[in-house]
């Protein structure tokens, strides 16, 4: 499974909305409590509603969120089956 991360657009500091400014720039990995991710337009958000990323279009956001959610679901299933 290969995500096209090049399709994500960087957030420009000059034109950041308050929501974009509140996005974490942390390089920490996502935690199980952050899932499932959901999409609002071109934004990917964690379960608690905190913005995670902005994509070029809503279809890309949905695709990335779906893939990450599926991957986390598989990890969770693997933990329980071990």
C-alpha atoms as a PDB file:
ATOM      1  CA  UNK A   1       0.000   0.000   0.000  1.00  0.00           C
ATOM      2  CA  UNK A   2       1.670   3.199  -1.158  1.00  0.00           C
ATOM      3  CA  UNK A   3       0.323   6.636  -0.289  1.00  0.00           C
ATOM      4  CA  UNK A   4       1.150   9.503  -2.568  1.00  0.00           C
ATOM      5  CA  UNK A   5       2.304  11.933   0.084  1.00  0.00           C
ATOM      6  CA  UNK A   6       3.483  14.288  -2.634  1.00  0.00           C
ATOM      7  CA  UNK A   7      -0.210  15.064  -3.188  1.00  0.00           C
ATOM      8  CA  UNK A   8      -0.415  16.701   0.238  1.00  0.00           C
ATOM      9  CA  UNK A   9       0.116  20.422   0.170  1.00  0.00           C
ATOM     10  CA  UNK A  10       2.221  22.227   2.731  1.00  0.00           C
ATOM     11  CA  UNK A  11       0.473  24.798   4.871  1.00  0.00           C
ATOM     12  CA  UNK A  12       1.759  28.246   4.058  1.00  0.00           C
ATOM     13  CA  UNK A  13       2.323  30.270   7.202  1.00  0.00           C
ATOM     14  CA  UNK A  14       1.141  33.520   5.606  1.00  0.00           C
ATOM     15  CA  UNK A  15      -2.360  32.246   4.783  1.00  0.00           C
ATOM     16  CA  UNK A  16      -3.116  29.914   7.667  1.00  0.00           C
ATOM     17  CA  UNK A  17      -6.605  29.771   9.078  1.00  0.00           C
ATOM     18  CA  UNK A  18      -7.011  29.476  12.847  1.00  0.00           C
ATOM     19  CA  UNK A  19      -7.757  25.769  12.352  1.00  0.00           C
ATOM     20  CA  UNK A  20      -4.578  25.270  10.333  1.00  0.00           C
ATOM     21  CA  UNK A  21      -2.566  27.185  12.909  1.00  0.00           C
ATOM     22  CA  UNK A  22      -3.811  24.804  15.601  1.00  0.00           C
ATOM     23  CA  UNK A  23      -2.585  21.741  13.681  1.00  0.00           C
ATOM     24  CA  UNK A  24       0.180  19.832  15.313  1.00  0.00           C
ATOM     25  CA  UNK A  25       3.571  19.989  13.648  1.00  0.00           C
ATOM     26  CA  UNK A  26       4.734  17.165  15.879  1.00  0.00           C
ATOM     27  CA  UNK A  27       6.483  14.233  14.263  1.00  0.00           C
ATOM     28  CA  UNK A  28       5.109  11.864  16.915  1.00  0.00           C
ATOM     29  CA  UNK A  29       3.309   8.802  15.555  1.00  0.00           C
ATOM     30  CA  UNK A  30      -0.447   8.544  15.756  1.00  0.00           C
ATOM     31  CA  UNK A  31      -1.804   6.674  18.771  1.00  0.00           C
ATOM     32  CA  UNK A  32      -4.648   4.144  18.795  1.00  0.00           C
ATOM     33  CA  UNK A  33      -6.819   6.736  20.560  1.00  0.00           C
ATOM     34  CA  UNK A  34      -6.469   9.027  17.510  1.00  0.00           C
ATOM     35  CA  UNK A  35      -8.490   6.584  15.392  1.00  0.00           C
ATOM     36  CA  UNK A  36     -10.709   6.397  13.518  1.00  0.00           C
ATOM     37  CA  UNK A  37      -9.656   9.363  11.436  1.00  0.00           C
ATOM     38  CA  UNK A  38     -12.391  11.258   9.658  1.00  0.00           C
ATOM     39  CA  UNK A  39     -12.559  13.703   6.789  1.00  0.00           C
ATOM     40  CA  UNK A  40     -14.150  17.125   6.477  1.00  0.00           C
ATOM     41  CA  UNK A  41     -13.676  18.322   2.922  1.00  0.00           C
ATOM     42  CA  UNK A  42      -9.933  18.366   2.250  1.00  0.00           C
ATOM     43  CA  UNK A  43      -9.034  18.051   5.966  1.00  0.00           C
ATOM     44  CA  UNK A  44      -8.125  14.849   7.809  1.00  0.00           C
ATOM     45  CA  UNK A  45      -8.983  14.969  11.505  1.00  0.00           C
ATOM     46  CA  UNK A  46      -8.300  12.731  14.472  1.00  0.00           C
ATOM     47  CA  UNK A  47     -11.129  11.167  16.464  1.00  0.00           C
ATOM     48  CA  UNK A  48     -11.127  14.118  18.875  1.00  0.00           C
ATOM     49  CA  UNK A  49     -11.580  16.561  15.985  1.00  0.00           C
ATOM     50  CA  UNK A  50      -8.022  17.884  16.037  1.00  0.00           C
ATOM     51  CA  UNK A  51      -6.818  18.624  12.474  1.00  0.00           C
ATOM     52  CA  UNK A  52      -4.092  16.302  11.251  1.00  0.00           C
ATOM     53  CA  UNK A  53      -3.537  17.216   7.589  1.00  0.00           C
ATOM     54  CA  UNK A  54      -4.889  19.167   4.642  1.00  0.00           C
ATOM     55  CA  UNK A  55      -4.849  17.639   1.182  1.00  0.00           C
ATOM     56  CA  UNK A  56      -5.280  19.047  -2.306  1.00  0.00           C
ATOM     57  CA  UNK A  57      -8.821  17.725  -2.617  1.00  0.00           C
ATOM     58  CA  UNK A  58     -11.493  15.836  -0.652  1.00  0.00           C
ATOM     59  CA  UNK A  59     -10.962  12.590  -2.598  1.00  0.00           C
ATOM     60  CA  UNK A  60      -7.307  12.452  -1.560  1.00  0.00           C
ATOM     61  CA  UNK A  61      -8.217  13.175   2.066  1.00  0.00           C
ATOM     62  CA  UNK A  62     -10.781  10.362   2.045  1.00  0.00           C
ATOM     63  CA  UNK A  63      -8.340   7.926   0.445  1.00  0.00           C
ATOM     64  CA  UNK A  64      -5.570   8.654   2.952  1.00  0.00           C
ATOM     65  CA  UNK A  65      -7.909   8.505   5.959  1.00  0.00           C
ATOM     66  CA  UNK A  66      -9.412   5.207   4.737  1.00  0.00           C
ATOM     67  CA  UNK A  67      -5.994   3.644   4.264  1.00  0.00           C
ATOM     68  CA  UNK A  68      -4.728   4.772   7.652  1.00  0.00           C
ATOM     69  CA  UNK A  69      -7.927   3.586   9.360  1.00  0.00           C
ATOM     70  CA  UNK A  70      -7.679   0.185   7.640  1.00  0.00           C
ATOM     71  CA  UNK A  71      -4.025  -0.144   8.647  1.00  0.00           C
ATOM     72  CA  UNK A  72      -4.788   0.695  12.280  1.00  0.00           C
ATOM     73  CA  UNK A  73      -7.733  -1.727  12.287  1.00  0.00           C
ATOM     74  CA  UNK A  74      -5.463  -4.509  11.021  1.00  0.00           C
ATOM     75  CA  UNK A  75      -2.881  -3.694  13.715  1.00  0.00           C
ATOM     76  CA  UNK A  76      -5.561  -3.826  16.389  1.00  0.00           C
ATOM     77  CA  UNK A  77      -6.805  -7.196  15.098  1.00  0.00           C
ATOM     78  CA  UNK A  78      -3.241  -8.538  15.071  1.00  0.00           C
ATOM     79  CA  UNK A  79      -2.771  -7.461  18.693  1.00  0.00           C
ATOM     80  CA  UNK A  80      -5.890  -9.340  19.771  1.00  0.00           C
ATOM     81  CA  UNK A  81      -5.054 -12.477  17.800  1.00  0.00           C
ATOM     82  CA  UNK A  82      -1.534 -12.811  19.198  1.00  0.00           C
END
